[in-house]
Amino acid sequence: MGKPRIAVLLSKEMRRNCISEEDFQRLSNFAEVVYESEDAITEEIAIKWMENVDGCLTGWGTPVFSDTFLKVAPKLKVIAHSAGSVKLMLGKII
């Protein structure tokens, strides 16, 4: 069994504010991290990164989850939210 696939759905500023370089390296050692430094995470980017992931890390600026997020990530087991309220982010999917 390989490493779990984790999408980090944070802008480069949010990632820098919420995750230290040491912790990001720790996550990268544990999992196959799907992330590219972006100024903003659009729904299109998020859906692309969510393909076949086991988990994702979200925060302020992460798009509201739609049914499409779950369709592209049938193995999704965990959504970890780093900052802000999840009340509006998860929409009607849960």
C-alpha atoms as a PDB file:
ATOM      1  CA  MET A   1       0.000   0.000   0.000  1.00  0.00           C
ATOM      2  CA  GLY A   2       1.379   3.390  -1.008  1.00  0.00           C
ATOM      3  CA  LYS A   3       1.242   6.707   0.732  1.00  0.00           C
ATOM      4  CA  PRO A   4      -2.128   8.417   1.092  1.00  0.00           C
ATOM      5  CA  ARG A   5      -2.817  11.245  -1.362  1.00  0.00           C
ATOM      6  CA  ILE A   6      -3.572  14.576   0.330  1.00  0.00           C
ATOM      7  CA  ALA A   7      -4.682  17.736  -1.495  1.00  0.00           C
ATOM      8  CA  VAL A   8      -3.668  20.995   0.189  1.00  0.00           C
ATOM      9  CA  LEU A   9      -6.392  23.394  -0.948  1.00  0.00           C
ATOM     10  CA  LEU A  10      -4.761  26.553   0.412  1.00  0.00           C
ATOM     11  CA  SER A  11      -3.430  29.628  -1.359  1.00  0.00           C
ATOM     12  CA  LYS A  12       0.293  30.212  -0.944  1.00  0.00           C
ATOM     13  CA  GLU A  13      -0.422  32.945   1.647  1.00  0.00           C
ATOM     14  CA  MET A  14      -2.764  30.733   3.685  1.00  0.00           C
ATOM     15  CA  ARG A  15      -0.339  27.830   3.518  1.00  0.00           C
ATOM     16  CA  ARG A  16       2.466  30.068   4.749  1.00  0.00           C
ATOM     17  CA  ASN A  17       0.257  31.396   7.594  1.00  0.00           C
ATOM     18  CA  CYS A  18      -1.178  28.022   8.676  1.00  0.00           C
ATOM     19  CA  ILE A  19       1.542  25.437   8.045  1.00  0.00           C
ATOM     20  CA  SER A  20       5.205  25.828   8.942  1.00  0.00           C
ATOM     21  CA  GLU A  21       7.790  24.593   6.452  1.00  0.00           C
ATOM     22  CA  GLU A  22       8.739  21.892   8.960  1.00  0.00           C
ATOM     23  CA  ASP A  23       5.138  20.679   9.212  1.00  0.00           C
ATOM     24  CA  PHE A  24       4.648  20.815   5.441  1.00  0.00           C
ATOM     25  CA  GLN A  25       7.780  18.684   5.039  1.00  0.00           C
ATOM     26  CA  ARG A  26       6.431  16.276   7.656  1.00  0.00           C
ATOM     27  CA  LEU A  27       3.169  16.011   5.691  1.00  0.00           C
ATOM     28  CA  SER A  28       5.154  15.444   2.474  1.00  0.00           C
ATOM     29  CA  ASN A  29       7.112  12.630   4.124  1.00  0.00           C
ATOM     30  CA  PHE A  30       3.876  10.966   5.245  1.00  0.00           C
ATOM     31  CA  ALA A  31       1.743  11.481   2.126  1.00  0.00           C
ATOM     32  CA  GLU A  32       1.785  12.207  -1.571  1.00  0.00           C
ATOM     33  CA  VAL A  33       0.925  15.907  -1.373  1.00  0.00           C
ATOM     34  CA  VAL A  34      -1.047  17.483  -4.208  1.00  0.00           C
ATOM     35  CA  TYR A  35      -0.196  21.189  -4.078  1.00  0.00           C
ATOM     36  CA  GLU A  36       1.128  24.000  -6.221  1.00  0.00           C
ATOM     37  CA  SER A  37       1.758  27.517  -4.981  1.00  0.00           C
ATOM     38  CA  GLU A  38      -1.204  29.598  -6.193  1.00  0.00           C
ATOM     39  CA  ASP A  39      -2.384  33.092  -5.250  1.00  0.00           C
ATOM     40  CA  ALA A  40      -5.952  31.788  -5.015  1.00  0.00           C
ATOM     41  CA  ILE A  41      -7.576  28.359  -5.156  1.00  0.00           C
ATOM     42  CA  THR A  42     -10.394  28.392  -7.684  1.00  0.00           C
ATOM     43  CA  GLU A  43     -13.045  25.687  -7.885  1.00  0.00           C
ATOM     44  CA  GLU A  44     -11.397  24.453 -11.098  1.00  0.00           C
ATOM     45  CA  ILE A  45      -7.989  24.114  -9.413  1.00  0.00           C
ATOM     46  CA  ALA A  46      -9.488  22.472  -6.317  1.00  0.00           C
ATOM     47  CA  ILE A  47     -11.402  19.890  -8.355  1.00  0.00           C
ATOM     48  CA  LYS A  48      -8.274  19.065 -10.362  1.00  0.00           C
ATOM     49  CA  TRP A  49      -6.217  18.595  -7.177  1.00  0.00           C
ATOM     50  CA  MET A  50      -8.980  16.537  -5.499  1.00  0.00           C
ATOM     51  CA  GLU A  51      -8.853  13.759  -8.107  1.00  0.00           C
ATOM     52  CA  ASN A  52      -8.396  10.425  -6.309  1.00  0.00           C
ATOM     53  CA  VAL A  53      -7.237  11.877  -2.987  1.00  0.00           C
ATOM     54  CA  ASP A  54      -7.660  10.217   0.388  1.00  0.00           C
ATOM     55  CA  GLY A  55      -7.857  13.513   2.247  1.00  0.00           C
ATOM     56  CA  CYS A  56      -7.636  17.252   1.891  1.00  0.00           C
ATOM     57  CA  LEU A  57      -6.600  20.259   3.932  1.00  0.00           C
ATOM     58  CA  THR A  58      -8.795  23.345   3.609  1.00  0.00           C
ATOM     59  CA  GLY A  59      -8.964  26.862   5.046  1.00  0.00           C
ATOM     60  CA  TRP A  60      -9.995  30.425   4.297  1.00  0.00           C
ATOM     61  CA  GLY A  61     -10.291  30.845   0.553  1.00  0.00           C
ATOM     62  CA  THR A  62     -10.996  27.201  -0.236  1.00  0.00           C
ATOM     63  CA  PRO A  63     -14.007  27.066  -2.598  1.00  0.00           C
ATOM     64  CA  VAL A  64     -17.344  25.781  -1.310  1.00  0.00           C
ATOM     65  CA  PHE A  65     -17.454  22.006  -1.792  1.00  0.00           C
ATOM     66  CA  SER A  66     -19.887  20.763  -4.411  1.00  0.00           C
ATOM     67  CA  ASP A  67     -20.962  17.265  -5.428  1.00  0.00           C
ATOM     68  CA  THR A  68     -18.169  17.384  -8.030  1.00  0.00           C
ATOM     69  CA  PHE A  69     -15.553  17.349  -5.257  1.00  0.00           C
ATOM     70  CA  LEU A  70     -16.899  14.036  -3.984  1.00  0.00           C
ATOM     71  CA  LYS A  71     -17.262  12.553  -7.472  1.00  0.00           C
ATOM     72  CA  VAL A  72     -13.582  13.105  -8.294  1.00  0.00           C
ATOM     73  CA  ALA A  73     -12.474  11.858  -4.865  1.00  0.00           C
ATOM     74  CA  PRO A  74     -14.377   8.612  -4.203  1.00  0.00           C
ATOM     75  CA  LYS A  75     -11.709   7.502  -1.670  1.00  0.00           C
ATOM     76  CA  LEU A  76     -11.963  10.730   0.375  1.00  0.00           C
ATOM     77  CA  LYS A  77     -11.773   9.841   4.059  1.00  0.00           C
ATOM     78  CA  VAL A  78     -10.960  13.133   5.785  1.00  0.00           C
ATOM     79  CA  ILE A  79     -11.363  16.875   5.316  1.00  0.00           C
ATOM     80  CA  ALA A  80      -9.089  18.775   7.734  1.00  0.00           C
ATOM     81  CA  HIS A  81      -9.900  22.467   8.062  1.00  0.00           C
ATOM     82  CA  SER A  82      -7.019  24.711   9.135  1.00  0.00           C
ATOM     83  CA  ALA A  83      -8.711  28.057   9.772  1.00  0.00           C
ATOM     84  CA  GLY A  84     -12.091  29.730   9.603  1.00  0.00           C
ATOM     85  CA  SER A  85     -15.614  28.380   9.754  1.00  0.00           C
ATOM     86  CA  VAL A  86     -16.670  25.270   7.857  1.00  0.00           C
ATOM     87  CA  LYS A  87     -20.352  26.201   8.112  1.00  0.00           C
ATOM     88  CA  LEU A  88     -20.646  27.611   4.585  1.00  0.00           C
ATOM     89  CA  MET A  89     -17.739  25.758   2.996  1.00  0.00           C
ATOM     90  CA  LEU A  90     -19.238  22.289   2.941  1.00  0.00           C
ATOM     91  CA  GLY A  91     -22.500  23.463   1.417  1.00  0.00           C
ATOM     92  CA  LYS A  92     -25.121  20.760   1.128  1.00  0.00           C
ATOM     93  CA  ILE A  93     -22.820  17.775   0.571  1.00  0.00           C
ATOM     94  CA  ILE A  94     -22.816  16.525   4.151  1.00  0.00           C
END
